[in-house]
Protein backbone atom coordinates (compact mmCIF):
# COMPACT_ATOMS: atom_id res chain seq x y z
CA GLN A 1 -30.52 -16.87 2.87
CA VAL A 2 -27.58 -15.20 1.19
CA HIS A 3 -23.79 -14.93 1.89
CA LEU A 4 -22.99 -11.26 1.44
CA VAL A 5 -19.25 -10.41 1.61
CA GLU A 6 -18.64 -6.48 1.73
CA SER A 7 -14.78 -4.45 -0.01
CA GLY A 8 -13.96 -1.17 -0.70
CA GLY A 9 -14.23 0.17 3.23
CA GLY A 10 -10.89 2.64 4.60
CA ARG A 11 -10.35 6.33 5.40
CA VAL A 12 -10.37 8.95 3.17
CA ALA A 13 -10.25 12.39 3.36
CA PRO A 14 -13.13 15.31 3.18
CA GLY A 15 -14.35 16.05 0.11
CA GLY A 16 -13.19 12.43 -1.29
CA SER A 17 -14.59 9.73 -2.80
CA LEU A 18 -14.93 5.56 -1.63
CA THR A 19 -17.00 2.99 -3.74
CA LEU A 20 -18.21 0.26 -1.47
CA SER A 21 -19.21 -3.29 -3.38
CA CYS A 22 -21.25 -6.04 -1.91
CA VAL A 23 -21.46 -9.81 -3.79
CA ALA A 24 -24.03 -12.19 -3.27
CA SER A 25 -23.68 -15.94 -2.94
CA ARG A 26 -26.06 -16.19 -4.97
CA PRO A 27 -27.91 -15.12 -7.55
CA LEU A 28 -31.23 -12.32 -6.76
CA ALA A 29 -34.29 -13.12 -6.93
CA THR A 30 -36.81 -10.74 -8.93
CA SER A 31 -38.61 -9.96 -5.50
CA GLU A 32 -34.97 -9.08 -3.68
CA GLN A 33 -33.99 -5.67 -2.53
CA MET A 34 -30.96 -5.04 -1.59
CA ALA A 35 -29.64 -2.27 0.50
CA TRP A 36 -26.47 -0.45 2.62
CA TYR A 37 -27.27 0.25 5.67
CA ARG A 38 -24.38 2.79 8.26
CA GLN A 39 -24.26 2.39 11.28
CA VAL A 40 -22.46 5.23 14.37
CA PRO A 41 -21.57 4.20 17.70
CA GLY A 42 -24.11 4.59 20.26
CA LYS A 43 -26.93 4.79 17.23
CA GLU A 44 -28.93 2.04 15.55
CA ARG A 45 -28.79 1.07 11.77
CA ASP A 46 -30.41 3.61 9.30
CA ILE A 47 -30.85 2.58 6.11
CA VAL A 48 -28.75 4.82 3.34
CA ALA A 49 -29.63 3.65 -0.10
CA SER A 50 -31.83 0.80 -1.66
CA ILE A 51 -32.38 -0.67 -4.81
CA THR A 52 -35.11 -3.01 -5.99
CA HIS A 53 -34.43 -5.78 -8.37
CA ASP A 54 -35.83 -3.24 -11.28
CA GLY A 55 -33.44 -0.99 -10.41
CA ILE A 56 -35.75 1.43 -8.69
CA LYS A 57 -33.74 3.36 -6.14
CA GLY A 58 -33.96 5.52 -3.06
CA TYR A 59 -31.81 7.42 -1.44
CA VAL A 60 -31.83 8.89 2.39
CA GLY A 61 -31.96 12.63 2.40
CA ALA A 62 -28.37 12.94 3.65
CA VAL A 63 -26.95 11.42 0.84
CA LYS A 64 -28.73 12.29 -2.66
CA GLY A 65 -26.60 13.68 -5.07
CA ARG A 66 -23.48 12.55 -3.46
CA PHE A 67 -24.43 9.06 -3.12
CA ALA A 68 -25.16 6.14 -5.95
CA ILE A 69 -26.45 2.83 -5.39
CA SER A 70 -26.10 0.30 -8.37
CA GLN A 71 -26.04 -3.11 -9.37
CA ASP A 72 -24.73 -5.89 -11.23
CA ILE A 73 -27.09 -8.87 -11.98
CA ALA A 74 -25.03 -10.91 -13.97
CA THR A 75 -22.13 -10.60 -11.21
CA ASN A 76 -24.78 -10.52 -8.00
CA THR A 77 -22.75 -6.97 -7.08
CA VAL A 78 -24.11 -4.13 -5.71
CA TYR A 79 -22.68 -0.87 -5.21
CA LEU A 80 -22.56 2.51 -2.96
CA GLN A 81 -20.34 4.90 -5.29
CA MET A 82 -19.82 7.71 -2.40
CA LYS A 83 -18.81 11.45 -3.22
CA ALA A 84 -18.07 14.48 -1.45
CA LEU A 85 -18.05 12.61 1.60
CA THR A 86 -17.72 14.34 5.15
CA SER A 87 -17.07 13.45 8.65
CA GLU A 88 -21.18 12.25 8.83
CA ASP A 89 -20.34 10.23 7.04
CA THR A 90 -17.79 7.80 8.58
CA GLY A 91 -19.46 4.66 10.07
CA ILE A 92 -20.16 1.21 9.43
CA TYR A 93 -21.35 0.15 6.69
CA PHE A 94 -23.79 -3.06 5.76
CA CYS A 95 -24.82 -4.43 3.18
CA ASN A 96 -28.47 -5.94 3.56
CA ASP A 97 -30.31 -8.54 2.18
CA PHE A 98 -34.19 -8.33 2.07
CA VAL A 99 -36.52 -11.44 0.49
CA GLY A 100 -39.60 -13.61 1.92
CA GLY A 101 -39.44 -12.08 5.02
CA GLN A 102 -36.31 -11.71 6.03
CA PHE A 103 -32.60 -9.89 6.26
CA SER A 104 -29.83 -11.16 5.68
CA TRP A 105 -26.27 -8.81 6.47
CA GLY A 106 -22.71 -8.65 5.40
CA GLN A 107 -20.03 -8.23 7.50
CA GLY A 108 -19.36 -4.23 7.54
CA LEU A 109 -17.19 -2.19 5.98
CA GLN A 110 -15.83 0.76 8.07
CA VAL A 111 -15.59 4.10 6.54
CA THR A 112 -13.88 6.87 7.84
CA VAL A 113 -14.04 9.97 6.29
CA SER A 114 -10.85 11.99 8.04
CA SER A 115 -7.68 14.46 7.04
């Protein structure tokens, strides 16, 4: 398994921007996929964006055009740039690693979009 450490959460006004970071404890394998999930109270944890080692990206429809996932292979870091934030984006964001049939999770970051 891999240990994931997230940073960058916080409170932002509607329309604002925020960037989340996730550092993995080891170099990522070529078969490894990283992702960001969001969870709100009373609901399941849902995927927001994903990226493969080759850089293939995927987004849930609600964030397309506003969020951008990226990675720095050299530093084992995955980012989630979030723009034009709305109250619907509020939640706890989790960094996720999937490889060899196993999931690993970061500790979670609270993101609150509120005026």
